[in-house]
Amino acid sequence: NPDRREDCARAADRALERYNDLKATAYGAATDAAAKYA
């Protein structure tokens, strides 16, 4: 829910974890998209 801090915080943490996983394995459009989403 983009209007609730707690939801966004939880999702941001998960998105940052996904970004870090992607960054460790590959670089490209998926990594850039994950960074922008986080």
PDB file of all heavy atoms in Angstrom:
ATOM      1  N   ASN A   1       0.871  -1.174   0.000  1.00  0.00           N
ATOM      2  CA  ASN A   1       0.000   0.000   0.000  1.00  0.00           C
ATOM      3  C   ASN A   1       0.911   1.227   0.000  1.00  0.00           C
ATOM      4  O   ASN A   1       1.661   1.447   0.955  1.00  0.00           O
ATOM      5  CB  ASN A   1      -0.882  -0.014   1.243  1.00  0.00           C
ATOM      6  CG  ASN A   1      -1.850   1.131   1.306  1.00  0.00           C
ATOM      7  OD1 ASN A   1      -1.670   2.141   0.644  1.00  0.00           O
ATOM      8  ND2 ASN A   1      -2.877   0.993   2.111  1.00  0.00           N
ATOM      9  N   PRO A   2       0.877   2.047  -1.048  1.00  0.00           N
ATOM     10  CA  PRO A   2       1.822   3.173  -1.137  1.00  0.00           C
ATOM     11  C   PRO A   2       1.544   4.293  -0.140  1.00  0.00           C
ATOM     12  O   PRO A   2       2.347   5.215  -0.015  1.00  0.00           O
ATOM     13  CB  PRO A   2       1.646   3.668  -2.575  1.00  0.00           C
ATOM     14  CG  PRO A   2       0.276   3.264  -2.946  1.00  0.00           C
ATOM     15  CD  PRO A   2       0.009   1.978  -2.213  1.00  0.00           C
ATOM     16  N   ASP A   3       0.427   4.207   0.583  1.00  0.00           N
ATOM     17  CA  ASP A   3       0.088   5.242   1.551  1.00  0.00           C
ATOM     18  C   ASP A   3       0.367   4.821   2.990  1.00  0.00           C
ATOM     19  O   ASP A   3       0.069   5.556   3.919  1.00  0.00           O
ATOM     20  CB  ASP A   3      -1.388   5.618   1.393  1.00  0.00           C
ATOM     21  CG  ASP A   3      -1.662   6.173   0.005  1.00  0.00           C
ATOM     22  OD1 ASP A   3      -0.849   6.987  -0.466  1.00  0.00           O
ATOM     23  OD2 ASP A   3      -2.668   5.778  -0.602  1.00  0.00           O
ATOM     24  N   ARG A   4       0.930   3.645   3.187  1.00  0.00           N
ATOM     25  CA  ARG A   4       1.251   3.160   4.537  1.00  0.00           C
ATOM     26  C   ARG A   4       2.751   2.959   4.666  1.00  0.00           C
ATOM     27  O   ARG A   4       3.356   2.181   3.949  1.00  0.00           O
ATOM     28  CB  ARG A   4       0.525   1.853   4.824  1.00  0.00           C
ATOM     29  CG  ARG A   4      -0.963   2.013   4.826  1.00  0.00           C
ATOM     30  CD  ARG A   4      -1.589   1.059   5.825  1.00  0.00           C
ATOM     31  NE  ARG A   4      -3.009   1.235   5.861  1.00  0.00           N
ATOM     32  CZ  ARG A   4      -3.643   2.030   6.708  1.00  0.00           C
ATOM     33  NH1 ARG A   4      -2.953   2.717   7.594  1.00  0.00           N
ATOM     34  NH2 ARG A   4      -4.945   2.127   6.686  1.00  0.00           N
ATOM     35  N   ARG A   5       3.340   3.666   5.626  1.00  0.00           N
ATOM     36  CA  ARG A   5       4.785   3.609   5.842  1.00  0.00           C
ATOM     37  C   ARG A   5       5.277   2.200   6.101  1.00  0.00           C
ATOM     38  O   ARG A   5       6.288   1.776   5.549  1.00  0.00           O
ATOM     39  CB  ARG A   5       5.160   4.484   7.038  1.00  0.00           C
ATOM     40  CG  ARG A   5       5.567   5.848   6.667  1.00  0.00           C
ATOM     41  CD  ARG A   5       6.026   6.656   7.875  1.00  0.00           C
ATOM     42  NE  ARG A   5       5.483   7.987   7.668  1.00  0.00           N
ATOM     43  CZ  ARG A   5       4.435   8.472   8.288  1.00  0.00           C
ATOM     44  NH1 ARG A   5       3.828   7.777   9.209  1.00  0.00           N
ATOM     45  NH2 ARG A   5       3.975   9.667   8.008  1.00  0.00           N
ATOM     46  N   GLU A   6       4.571   1.476   6.956  1.00  0.00           N
ATOM     47  CA  GLU A   6       5.016   0.142   7.351  1.00  0.00           C
ATOM     48  C   GLU A   6       5.053  -0.807   6.143  1.00  0.00           C
ATOM     49  O   GLU A   6       6.010  -1.563   5.979  1.00  0.00           O
ATOM     50  CB  GLU A   6       4.087  -0.421   8.430  1.00  0.00           C
ATOM     51  CG  GLU A   6       4.580  -1.705   9.037  1.00  0.00           C
ATOM     52  CD  GLU A   6       3.693  -2.144  10.179  1.00  0.00           C
ATOM     53  OE1 GLU A   6       3.350  -1.309  11.030  1.00  0.00           O
ATOM     54  OE2 GLU A   6       3.355  -3.328  10.208  1.00  0.00           O
ATOM     55  N   ASP A   7       4.033  -0.763   5.308  1.00  0.00           N
ATOM     56  CA  ASP A   7       4.014  -1.600   4.100  1.00  0.00           C
ATOM     57  C   ASP A   7       5.178  -1.252   3.184  1.00  0.00           C
ATOM     58  O   ASP A   7       5.851  -2.135   2.650  1.00  0.00           O
ATOM     59  CB  ASP A   7       2.708  -1.425   3.325  1.00  0.00           C
ATOM     60  CG  ASP A   7       1.542  -2.158   3.939  1.00  0.00           C
ATOM     61  OD1 ASP A   7       1.734  -2.840   4.971  1.00  0.00           O
ATOM     62  OD2 ASP A   7       0.436  -2.055   3.382  1.00  0.00           O
ATOM     63  N   CYS A   8       5.396   0.034   2.987  1.00  0.00           N
ATOM     64  CA  CYS A   8       6.479   0.467   2.104  1.00  0.00           C
ATOM     65  C   CYS A   8       7.843   0.100   2.684  1.00  0.00           C
ATOM     66  O   CYS A   8       8.749  -0.283   1.938  1.00  0.00           O
ATOM     67  CB  CYS A   8       6.403   1.969   1.845  1.00  0.00           C
ATOM     68  SG  CYS A   8       4.979   2.430   0.838  1.00  0.00           S
ATOM     69  N   ALA A   9       7.998   0.203   3.988  1.00  0.00           N
ATOM     70  CA  ALA A   9       9.271  -0.142   4.621  1.00  0.00           C
ATOM     71  C   ALA A   9       9.576  -1.624   4.445  1.00  0.00           C
ATOM     72  O   ALA A   9      10.699  -2.003   4.086  1.00  0.00           O
ATOM     73  CB  ALA A   9       9.238   0.214   6.106  1.00  0.00           C
ATOM     74  N   ARG A  10       8.573  -2.464   4.676  1.00  0.00           N
ATOM     75  CA  ARG A  10       8.756  -3.910   4.506  1.00  0.00           C
ATOM     76  C   ARG A  10       9.099  -4.242   3.051  1.00  0.00           C
ATOM     77  O   ARG A  10      10.017  -5.010   2.771  1.00  0.00           O
ATOM     78  CB  ARG A  10       7.474  -4.633   4.925  1.00  0.00           C
ATOM     79  CG  ARG A  10       7.682  -5.792   5.828  1.00  0.00           C
ATOM     80  CD  ARG A  10       6.406  -6.551   6.152  1.00  0.00           C
ATOM     81  NE  ARG A  10       5.168  -5.880   5.814  1.00  0.00           N
ATOM     82  CZ  ARG A  10       4.318  -5.358   6.685  1.00  0.00           C
ATOM     83  NH1 ARG A  10       4.565  -5.427   7.966  1.00  0.00           N
ATOM     84  NH2 ARG A  10       3.209  -4.780   6.300  1.00  0.00           N
ATOM     85  N   ALA A  11       8.362  -3.651   2.134  1.00  0.00           N
ATOM     86  CA  ALA A  11       8.609  -3.905   0.711  1.00  0.00           C
ATOM     87  C   ALA A  11       9.968  -3.355   0.274  1.00  0.00           C
ATOM     88  O   ALA A  11      10.653  -3.974  -0.547  1.00  0.00           O
ATOM     89  CB  ALA A  11       7.496  -3.295  -0.128  1.00  0.00           C
ATOM     90  N   ALA A  12      10.360  -2.214   0.807  1.00  0.00           N
ATOM     91  CA  ALA A  12      11.668  -1.639   0.465  1.00  0.00           C
ATOM     92  C   ALA A  12      12.792  -2.549   0.943  1.00  0.00           C
ATOM     93  O   ALA A  12      13.779  -2.754   0.227  1.00  0.00           O
ATOM     94  CB  ALA A  12      11.812  -0.247   1.079  1.00  0.00           C
ATOM     95  N   ASP A  13      12.643  -3.119   2.132  1.00  0.00           N
ATOM     96  CA  ASP A  13      13.658  -4.057   2.636  1.00  0.00           C
ATOM     97  C   ASP A  13      13.774  -5.286   1.733  1.00  0.00           C
ATOM     98  O   ASP A  13      14.873  -5.726   1.394  1.00  0.00           O
ATOM     99  CB  ASP A  13      13.330  -4.495   4.065  1.00  0.00           C
ATOM    100  CG  ASP A  13      13.523  -3.374   5.079  1.00  0.00           C
ATOM    101  OD1 ASP A  13      14.203  -2.380   4.749  1.00  0.00           O
ATOM    102  OD2 ASP A  13      12.978  -3.498   6.192  1.00  0.00           O
ATOM    103  N   ARG A  14      12.616  -5.835   1.333  1.00  0.00           N
ATOM    104  CA  ARG A  14      12.633  -7.002   0.439  1.00  0.00           C
ATOM    105  C   ARG A  14      13.227  -6.634  -0.922  1.00  0.00           C
ATOM    106  O   ARG A  14      14.002  -7.404  -1.495  1.00  0.00           O
ATOM    107  CB  ARG A  14      11.224  -7.565   0.259  1.00  0.00           C
ATOM    108  CG  ARG A  14      10.730  -8.342   1.456  1.00  0.00           C
ATOM    109  CD  ARG A  14       9.477  -9.140   1.136  1.00  0.00           C
ATOM    110  NE  ARG A  14       8.431  -8.367   0.487  1.00  0.00           N
ATOM    111  CZ  ARG A  14       7.419  -7.763   1.104  1.00  0.00           C
ATOM    112  NH1 ARG A  14       7.313  -7.850   2.418  1.00  0.00           N
ATOM    113  NH2 ARG A  14       6.507  -7.099   0.428  1.00  0.00           N
ATOM    114  N   ALA A  15      12.876  -5.463  -1.434  1.00  0.00           N
ATOM    115  CA  ALA A  15      13.401  -5.034  -2.735  1.00  0.00           C
ATOM    116  C   ALA A  15      14.915  -4.812  -2.663  1.00  0.00           C
ATOM    117  O   ALA A  15      15.638  -5.149  -3.613  1.00  0.00           O
ATOM    118  CB  ALA A  15      12.702  -3.759  -3.190  1.00  0.00           C
ATOM    119  N   LEU A  16      15.385  -4.278  -1.556  1.00  0.00           N
ATOM    120  CA  LEU A  16      16.826  -4.078  -1.395  1.00  0.00           C
ATOM    121  C   LEU A  16      17.552  -5.419  -1.322  1.00  0.00           C
ATOM    122  O   LEU A  16      18.636  -5.582  -1.893  1.00  0.00           O
ATOM    123  CB  LEU A  16      17.101  -3.242  -0.144  1.00  0.00           C
ATOM    124  CG  LEU A  16      18.522  -2.740   0.033  1.00  0.00           C
ATOM    125  CD1 LEU A  16      18.947  -1.909  -1.172  1.00  0.00           C
ATOM    126  CD2 LEU A  16      18.631  -1.923   1.301  1.00  0.00           C
ATOM    127  N   GLU A  17      16.952  -6.396  -0.644  1.00  0.00           N
ATOM    128  CA  GLU A  17      17.554  -7.735  -0.597  1.00  0.00           C
ATOM    129  C   GLU A  17      17.631  -8.338  -1.995  1.00  0.00           C
ATOM    130  O   GLU A  17      18.640  -8.925  -2.374  1.00  0.00           O
ATOM    131  CB  GLU A  17      16.740  -8.650   0.317  1.00  0.00           C
ATOM    132  CG  GLU A  17      16.885  -8.350   1.780  1.00  0.00           C
ATOM    133  CD  GLU A  17      15.935  -9.185   2.634  1.00  0.00           C
ATOM    134  OE1 GLU A  17      15.316 -10.143   2.109  1.00  0.00           O
ATOM    135  OE2 GLU A  17      15.807  -8.882   3.826  1.00  0.00           O
ATOM    136  N   ARG A  18      16.541  -8.199  -2.769  1.00  0.00           N
ATOM    137  CA  ARG A  18      16.544  -8.716  -4.144  1.00  0.00           C
ATOM    138  C   ARG A  18      17.618  -8.020  -4.986  1.00  0.00           C
ATOM    139  O   ARG A  18      18.316  -8.659  -5.765  1.00  0.00           O
ATOM    140  CB  ARG A  18      15.170  -8.519  -4.791  1.00  0.00           C
ATOM    141  CG  ARG A  18      14.233  -9.624  -4.480  1.00  0.00           C
ATOM    142  CD  ARG A  18      12.956  -9.497  -5.297  1.00  0.00           C
ATOM    143  NE  ARG A  18      11.858  -9.546  -4.349  1.00  0.00           N
ATOM    144  CZ  ARG A  18      10.989  -8.588  -4.119  1.00  0.00           C
ATOM    145  NH1 ARG A  18      11.031  -7.483  -4.791  1.00  0.00           N
ATOM    146  NH2 ARG A  18      10.044  -8.734  -3.219  1.00  0.00           N
ATOM    147  N   TYR A  19      17.719  -6.710  -4.806  1.00  0.00           N
ATOM    148  CA  TYR A  19      18.736  -5.957  -5.547  1.00  0.00           C
ATOM    149  C   TYR A  19      20.130  -6.459  -5.198  1.00  0.00           C
ATOM    150  O   TYR A  19      20.957  -6.685  -6.088  1.00  0.00           O
ATOM    151  CB  TYR A  19      18.617  -4.471  -5.242  1.00  0.00           C
ATOM    152  CG  TYR A  19      19.810  -3.680  -5.713  1.00  0.00           C
ATOM    153  CD1 TYR A  19      20.049  -3.492  -7.072  1.00  0.00           C
ATOM    154  CD2 TYR A  19      20.708  -3.142  -4.800  1.00  0.00           C
ATOM    155  CE1 TYR A  19      21.153  -2.777  -7.512  1.00  0.00           C
ATOM    156  CE2 TYR A  19      21.810  -2.430  -5.230  1.00  0.00           C
ATOM    157  CZ  TYR A  19      22.030  -2.250  -6.576  1.00  0.00           C
ATOM    158  OH  TYR A  19      23.126  -1.557  -7.003  1.00  0.00           O
ATOM    159  N   ASN A  20      20.408  -6.655  -3.914  1.00  0.00           N
ATOM    160  CA  ASN A  20      21.726  -7.134  -3.501  1.00  0.00           C
ATOM    161  C   ASN A  20      22.014  -8.532  -4.042  1.00  0.00           C
ATOM    162  O   ASN A  20      23.142  -8.838  -4.426  1.00  0.00           O
ATOM    163  CB  ASN A  20      21.857  -7.106  -1.983  1.00  0.00           C
ATOM    164  CG  ASN A  20      21.977  -5.687  -1.459  1.00  0.00           C
ATOM    165  OD1 ASN A  20      22.479  -4.805  -2.146  1.00  0.00           O
ATOM    166  ND2 ASN A  20      21.485  -5.450  -0.255  1.00  0.00           N
ATOM    167  N   ASP A  21      20.988  -9.388  -4.096  1.00  0.00           N
ATOM    168  CA  ASP A  21      21.160 -10.724  -4.675  1.00  0.00           C
ATOM    169  C   ASP A  21      21.482 -10.626  -6.165  1.00  0.00           C
ATOM    170  O   ASP A  21      22.366 -11.318  -6.666  1.00  0.00           O
ATOM    171  CB  ASP A  21      19.907 -11.578  -4.480  1.00  0.00           C
ATOM    172  CG  ASP A  21      19.700 -11.996  -3.037  1.00  0.00           C
ATOM    173  OD1 ASP A  21      20.667 -11.888  -2.238  1.00  0.00           O
ATOM    174  OD2 ASP A  21      18.581 -12.434  -2.701  1.00  0.00           O
ATOM    175  N   LEU A  22      20.745  -9.775  -6.862  1.00  0.00           N
ATOM    176  CA  LEU A  22      20.992  -9.609  -8.293  1.00  0.00           C
ATOM    177  C   LEU A  22      22.367  -8.996  -8.563  1.00  0.00           C
ATOM    178  O   LEU A  22      23.062  -9.395  -9.498  1.00  0.00           O
ATOM    179  CB  LEU A  22      19.915  -8.724  -8.921  1.00  0.00           C
ATOM    180  CG  LEU A  22      18.577  -9.375  -9.197  1.00  0.00           C
ATOM    181  CD1 LEU A  22      17.570  -8.316  -9.623  1.00  0.00           C
ATOM    182  CD2 LEU A  22      18.707 -10.438 -10.263  1.00  0.00           C
ATOM    183  N   LYS A  23      22.733  -8.038  -7.737  1.00  0.00           N
ATOM    184  CA  LYS A  23      24.013  -7.352  -7.918  1.00  0.00           C
ATOM    185  C   LYS A  23      25.175  -8.331  -7.769  1.00  0.00           C
ATOM    186  O   LYS A  23      26.171  -8.230  -8.471  1.00  0.00           O
ATOM    187  CB  LYS A  23      24.128  -6.213  -6.910  1.00  0.00           C
ATOM    188  CG  LYS A  23      25.312  -5.301  -7.132  1.00  0.00           C
ATOM    189  CD  LYS A  23      25.271  -4.102  -6.234  1.00  0.00           C
ATOM    190  CE  LYS A  23      25.481  -4.518  -4.803  1.00  0.00           C
ATOM    191  NZ  LYS A  23      25.666  -3.404  -3.879  1.00  0.00           N
ATOM    192  N   ALA A  24      24.997  -9.302  -6.878  1.00  0.00           N
ATOM    193  CA  ALA A  24      26.064 -10.270  -6.641  1.00  0.00           C
ATOM    194  C   ALA A  24      26.208 -11.257  -7.799  1.00  0.00           C
ATOM    195  O   ALA A  24      27.289 -11.813  -8.007  1.00  0.00           O
ATOM    196  CB  ALA A  24      25.793 -11.028  -5.352  1.00  0.00           C
ATOM    197  N   THR A  25      25.136 -11.487  -8.543  1.00  0.00           N
ATOM    198  CA  THR A  25      25.187 -12.509  -9.587  1.00  0.00           C
ATOM    199  C   THR A  25      25.292 -11.949 -10.999  1.00  0.00           C
ATOM    200  O   THR A  25      25.875 -12.581 -11.860  1.00  0.00           O
ATOM    201  CB  THR A  25      23.941 -13.414  -9.523  1.00  0.00           C
ATOM    202  OG1 THR A  25      22.773 -12.602  -9.676  1.00  0.00           O
ATOM    203  CG2 THR A  25      23.886 -14.146  -8.195  1.00  0.00           C
ATOM    204  N   ALA A  26      24.705 -10.804 -11.245  1.00  0.00           N
ATOM    205  CA  ALA A  26      24.682 -10.291 -12.615  1.00  0.00           C
ATOM    206  C   ALA A  26      24.517  -8.778 -12.591  1.00  0.00           C
ATOM    207  O   ALA A  26      24.152  -8.194 -11.580  1.00  0.00           O
ATOM    208  CB  ALA A  26      23.529 -10.924 -13.387  1.00  0.00           C
ATOM    209  N   TYR A  27      24.762  -8.189 -13.732  1.00  0.00           N
ATOM    210  CA  TYR A  27      24.552  -6.755 -13.872  1.00  0.00           C
ATOM    211  C   TYR A  27      23.848  -6.527 -15.192  1.00  0.00           C
ATOM    212  O   TYR A  27      24.159  -7.144 -16.185  1.00  0.00           O
ATOM    213  CB  TYR A  27      25.868  -5.977 -13.834  1.00  0.00           C
ATOM    214  CG  TYR A  27      25.648  -4.490 -13.899  1.00  0.00           C
ATOM    215  CD1 TYR A  27      25.289  -3.791 -12.766  1.00  0.00           C
ATOM    216  CD2 TYR A  27      25.747  -3.804 -15.097  1.00  0.00           C
ATOM    217  CE1 TYR A  27      25.054  -2.432 -12.806  1.00  0.00           C
ATOM    218  CE2 TYR A  27      25.510  -2.447 -15.161  1.00  0.00           C
ATOM    219  CZ  TYR A  27      25.165  -1.765 -14.011  1.00  0.00           C
ATOM    220  OH  TYR A  27      24.932  -0.421 -14.071  1.00  0.00           O
ATOM    221  N   GLY A  28      22.888  -5.659 -15.160  1.00  0.00           N
ATOM    222  CA  GLY A  28      22.162  -5.388 -16.396  1.00  0.00           C
ATOM    223  C   GLY A  28      20.855  -4.703 -16.094  1.00  0.00           C
ATOM    224  O   GLY A  28      20.686  -4.040 -15.065  1.00  0.00           O
ATOM    225  N   ALA A  29      19.903  -4.889 -16.989  1.00  0.00           N
ATOM    226  CA  ALA A  29      18.614  -4.216 -16.875  1.00  0.00           C
ATOM    227  C   ALA A  29      17.862  -4.657 -15.622  1.00  0.00           C
ATOM    228  O   ALA A  29      17.212  -3.840 -14.967  1.00  0.00           O
ATOM    229  CB  ALA A  29      17.769  -4.491 -18.116  1.00  0.00           C
ATOM    230  N   ALA A  30      17.959  -5.935 -15.267  1.00  0.00           N
ATOM    231  CA  ALA A  30      17.259  -6.429 -14.080  1.00  0.00           C
ATOM    232  C   ALA A  30      17.805  -5.775 -12.815  1.00  0.00           C
ATOM    233  O   ALA A  30      17.045  -5.405 -11.914  1.00  0.00           O
ATOM    234  CB  ALA A  30      17.363  -7.943 -13.978  1.00  0.00           C
ATOM    235  N   THR A  31      19.110  -5.617 -12.751  1.00  0.00           N
ATOM    236  CA  THR A  31      19.732  -4.980 -11.589  1.00  0.00           C
ATOM    237  C   THR A  31      19.331  -3.514 -11.501  1.00  0.00           C
ATOM    238  O   THR A  31      19.004  -3.023 -10.424  1.00  0.00           O
ATOM    239  CB  THR A  31      21.268  -5.100 -11.672  1.00  0.00           C
ATOM    240  OG1 THR A  31      21.606  -6.472 -11.860  1.00  0.00           O
ATOM    241  CG2 THR A  31      21.929  -4.597 -10.418  1.00  0.00           C
ATOM    242  N   ASP A  32      19.333  -2.840 -12.630  1.00  0.00           N
ATOM    243  CA  ASP A  32      18.931  -1.424 -12.653  1.00  0.00           C
ATOM    244  C   ASP A  32      17.471  -1.262 -12.231  1.00  0.00           C
ATOM    245  O   ASP A  32      17.128  -0.369 -11.457  1.00  0.00           O
ATOM    246  CB  ASP A  32      19.132  -0.821 -14.043  1.00  0.00           C
ATOM    247  CG  ASP A  32      20.597  -0.740 -14.438  1.00  0.00           C
ATOM    248  OD1 ASP A  32      21.457  -0.812 -13.530  1.00  0.00           O
ATOM    249  OD2 ASP A  32      20.873  -0.619 -15.649  1.00  0.00           O
ATOM    250  N   ALA A  33      16.600  -2.134 -12.736  1.00  0.00           N
ATOM    251  CA  ALA A  33      15.178  -2.068 -12.381  1.00  0.00           C
ATOM    252  C   ALA A  33      14.975  -2.341 -10.900  1.00  0.00           C
ATOM    253  O   ALA A  33      14.172  -1.676 -10.238  1.00  0.00           O
ATOM    254  CB  ALA A  33      14.386  -3.063 -13.217  1.00  0.00           C
ATOM    255  N   ALA A  34      15.710  -3.310 -10.352  1.00  0.00           N
ATOM    256  CA  ALA A  34      15.591  -3.619  -8.931  1.00  0.00           C
ATOM    257  C   ALA A  34      16.050  -2.442  -8.074  1.00  0.00           C
ATOM    258  O   ALA A  34      15.442  -2.135  -7.048  1.00  0.00           O
ATOM    259  CB  ALA A  34      16.397  -4.877  -8.592  1.00  0.00           C
ATOM    260  N   ALA A  35      17.104  -1.766  -8.498  1.00  0.00           N
ATOM    261  CA  ALA A  35      17.600  -0.600  -7.760  1.00  0.00           C
ATOM    262  C   ALA A  35      16.576   0.529  -7.787  1.00  0.00           C
ATOM    263  O   ALA A  35      16.310   1.166  -6.760  1.00  0.00           O
ATOM    264  CB  ALA A  35      18.924  -0.126  -8.342  1.00  0.00           C
ATOM    265  N   LYS A  36      15.984   0.767  -8.957  1.00  0.00           N
ATOM    266  CA  LYS A  36      14.978   1.827  -9.072  1.00  0.00           C
ATOM    267  C   LYS A  36      13.742   1.516  -8.234  1.00  0.00           C
ATOM    268  O   LYS A  36      13.166   2.405  -7.610  1.00  0.00           O
ATOM    269  CB  LYS A  36      14.588   2.028 -10.533  1.00  0.00           C
ATOM    270  CG  LYS A  36      15.650   2.703 -11.341  1.00  0.00           C
ATOM    271  CD  LYS A  36      15.231   2.864 -12.785  1.00  0.00           C
ATOM    272  CE  LYS A  36      16.358   3.469 -13.603  1.00  0.00           C
ATOM    273  NZ  LYS A  36      15.988   3.597 -15.010  1.00  0.00           N
ATOM    274  N   TYR A  37      13.325   0.251  -8.225  1.00  0.00           N
ATOM    275  CA  TYR A  37      12.143  -0.133  -7.446  1.00  0.00           C
ATOM    276  C   TYR A  37      12.410   0.024  -5.948  1.00  0.00           C
ATOM    277  O   TYR A  37      11.575   0.540  -5.215  1.00  0.00           O
ATOM    278  CB  TYR A  37      11.741  -1.569  -7.778  1.00  0.00           C
ATOM    279  CG  TYR A  37      10.427  -1.980  -7.169  1.00  0.00           C
ATOM    280  CD1 TYR A  37       9.244  -1.338  -7.510  1.00  0.00           C
ATOM    281  CD2 TYR A  37      10.368  -3.017  -6.250  1.00  0.00           C
ATOM    282  CE1 TYR A  37       8.027  -1.713  -6.955  1.00  0.00           C
ATOM    283  CE2 TYR A  37       9.156  -3.401  -5.695  1.00  0.00           C
ATOM    284  CZ  TYR A  37       7.995  -2.748  -6.042  1.00  0.00           C
ATOM    285  OH  TYR A  37       6.805  -3.113  -5.485  1.00  0.00           O
ATOM    286  N   ALA A  38      13.592  -0.394  -5.486  1.00  0.00           N
ATOM    287  CA  ALA A  38      13.947  -0.230  -4.071  1.00  0.00           C
ATOM    288  C   ALA A  38      13.989   1.250  -3.701  1.00  0.00           C
ATOM    289  O   ALA A  38      13.518   1.646  -2.626  1.00  0.00           O
ATOM    290  CB  ALA A  38      15.294  -0.891  -3.793  1.00  0.00           C
TER     291      ALA A  38
END
